[in-house]
Amino acid sequence: MKDAKAEEMRIKAKYKEMILKGKIRLPIDVAKKLTGPDTAYHLYKAKNNRDRG
């Protein structure tokens, strides 16, 4: 049981890292669900910077 939970946490952390670094692109709502509310600020900031040019 602990191994499955640890693997899930490792995978989520890896996806969170890829999302924040811009290596994968997802709709903001999906990315927010994968990364959690603590990271939402960074996602919105990055999106706004891209939109500004």
C-alpha atoms as a PDB file:
ATOM      1  CA  MET A   1       0.000   0.000   0.000  1.00  0.00           C
ATOM      2  CA  LYS A   2       2.721   2.476   0.901  1.00  0.00           C
ATOM      3  CA  ASP A   3       4.614   1.727  -2.283  1.00  0.00           C
ATOM      4  CA  ALA A   4       1.593   2.550  -4.438  1.00  0.00           C
ATOM      5  CA  LYS A   5       1.041   5.835  -2.587  1.00  0.00           C
ATOM      6  CA  ALA A   6       4.726   6.738  -2.885  1.00  0.00           C
ATOM      7  CA  GLU A   7       4.680   6.004  -6.614  1.00  0.00           C
ATOM      8  CA  GLU A   8       1.570   8.160  -7.055  1.00  0.00           C
ATOM      9  CA  MET A   9       3.228  11.048  -5.214  1.00  0.00           C
ATOM     10  CA  ARG A  10       6.400  10.682  -7.288  1.00  0.00           C
ATOM     11  CA  ILE A  11       4.477  10.775 -10.558  1.00  0.00           C
ATOM     12  CA  LYS A  12       2.411  13.799  -9.478  1.00  0.00           C
ATOM     13  CA  ALA A  13       5.599  15.622  -8.479  1.00  0.00           C
ATOM     14  CA  LYS A  14       7.150  14.858 -11.859  1.00  0.00           C
ATOM     15  CA  TYR A  15       4.095  16.170 -13.731  1.00  0.00           C
ATOM     16  CA  LYS A  16       4.028  19.267 -11.524  1.00  0.00           C
ATOM     17  CA  GLU A  17       7.666  19.951 -12.392  1.00  0.00           C
ATOM     18  CA  MET A  18       7.043  19.502 -16.129  1.00  0.00           C
ATOM     19  CA  ILE A  19       3.995  21.793 -16.019  1.00  0.00           C
ATOM     20  CA  LEU A  20       5.857  24.551 -14.190  1.00  0.00           C
ATOM     21  CA  LYS A  21       8.847  24.342 -16.525  1.00  0.00           C
ATOM     22  CA  GLY A  22       6.560  24.529 -19.550  1.00  0.00           C
ATOM     23  CA  LYS A  23       7.639  21.175 -20.922  1.00  0.00           C
ATOM     24  CA  ILE A  24       4.022  20.091 -21.262  1.00  0.00           C
ATOM     25  CA  ARG A  25       1.035  22.301 -21.958  1.00  0.00           C
ATOM     26  CA  LEU A  26      -2.375  21.672 -20.523  1.00  0.00           C
ATOM     27  CA  PRO A  27      -5.488  23.775 -20.124  1.00  0.00           C
ATOM     28  CA  ILE A  28      -5.095  25.893 -16.991  1.00  0.00           C
ATOM     29  CA  ASP A  29      -7.975  24.132 -15.205  1.00  0.00           C
ATOM     30  CA  VAL A  30      -6.452  20.692 -15.740  1.00  0.00           C
ATOM     31  CA  ALA A  31      -2.985  21.853 -14.719  1.00  0.00           C
ATOM     32  CA  LYS A  32      -4.407  23.438 -11.583  1.00  0.00           C
ATOM     33  CA  LYS A  33      -6.028  20.143 -10.587  1.00  0.00           C
ATOM     34  CA  LEU A  34      -2.795  18.222 -11.113  1.00  0.00           C
ATOM     35  CA  THR A  35      -0.557  20.675  -9.294  1.00  0.00           C
ATOM     36  CA  GLY A  36      -2.835  21.860  -6.508  1.00  0.00           C
ATOM     37  CA  PRO A  37      -3.832  25.278  -5.244  1.00  0.00           C
ATOM     38  CA  ASP A  38      -0.357  26.118  -3.948  1.00  0.00           C
ATOM     39  CA  THR A  39       0.944  26.283  -7.509  1.00  0.00           C
ATOM     40  CA  ALA A  40      -2.020  28.068  -9.106  1.00  0.00           C
ATOM     41  CA  TYR A  41      -0.370  31.464  -8.598  1.00  0.00           C
ATOM     42  CA  HIS A  42       2.677  30.421 -10.652  1.00  0.00           C
ATOM     43  CA  LEU A  43       0.500  29.006 -13.411  1.00  0.00           C
ATOM     44  CA  TYR A  44      -1.539  32.201 -13.711  1.00  0.00           C
ATOM     45  CA  LYS A  45       1.605  34.340 -13.645  1.00  0.00           C
ATOM     46  CA  ALA A  46       3.218  32.288 -16.427  1.00  0.00           C
ATOM     47  CA  LYS A  47       0.035  32.395 -18.505  1.00  0.00           C
ATOM     48  CA  ASN A  48      -0.254  36.169 -18.130  1.00  0.00           C
ATOM     49  CA  ASN A  49       3.387  36.652 -19.119  1.00  0.00           C
ATOM     50  CA  ARG A  50       2.876  34.573 -22.284  1.00  0.00           C
ATOM     51  CA  ASP A  51      -0.287  36.496 -23.159  1.00  0.00           C
ATOM     52  CA  ARG A  52       1.499  39.845 -22.857  1.00  0.00           C
ATOM     53  CA  GLY A  53       4.068  38.835 -25.397  1.00  0.00           C
END
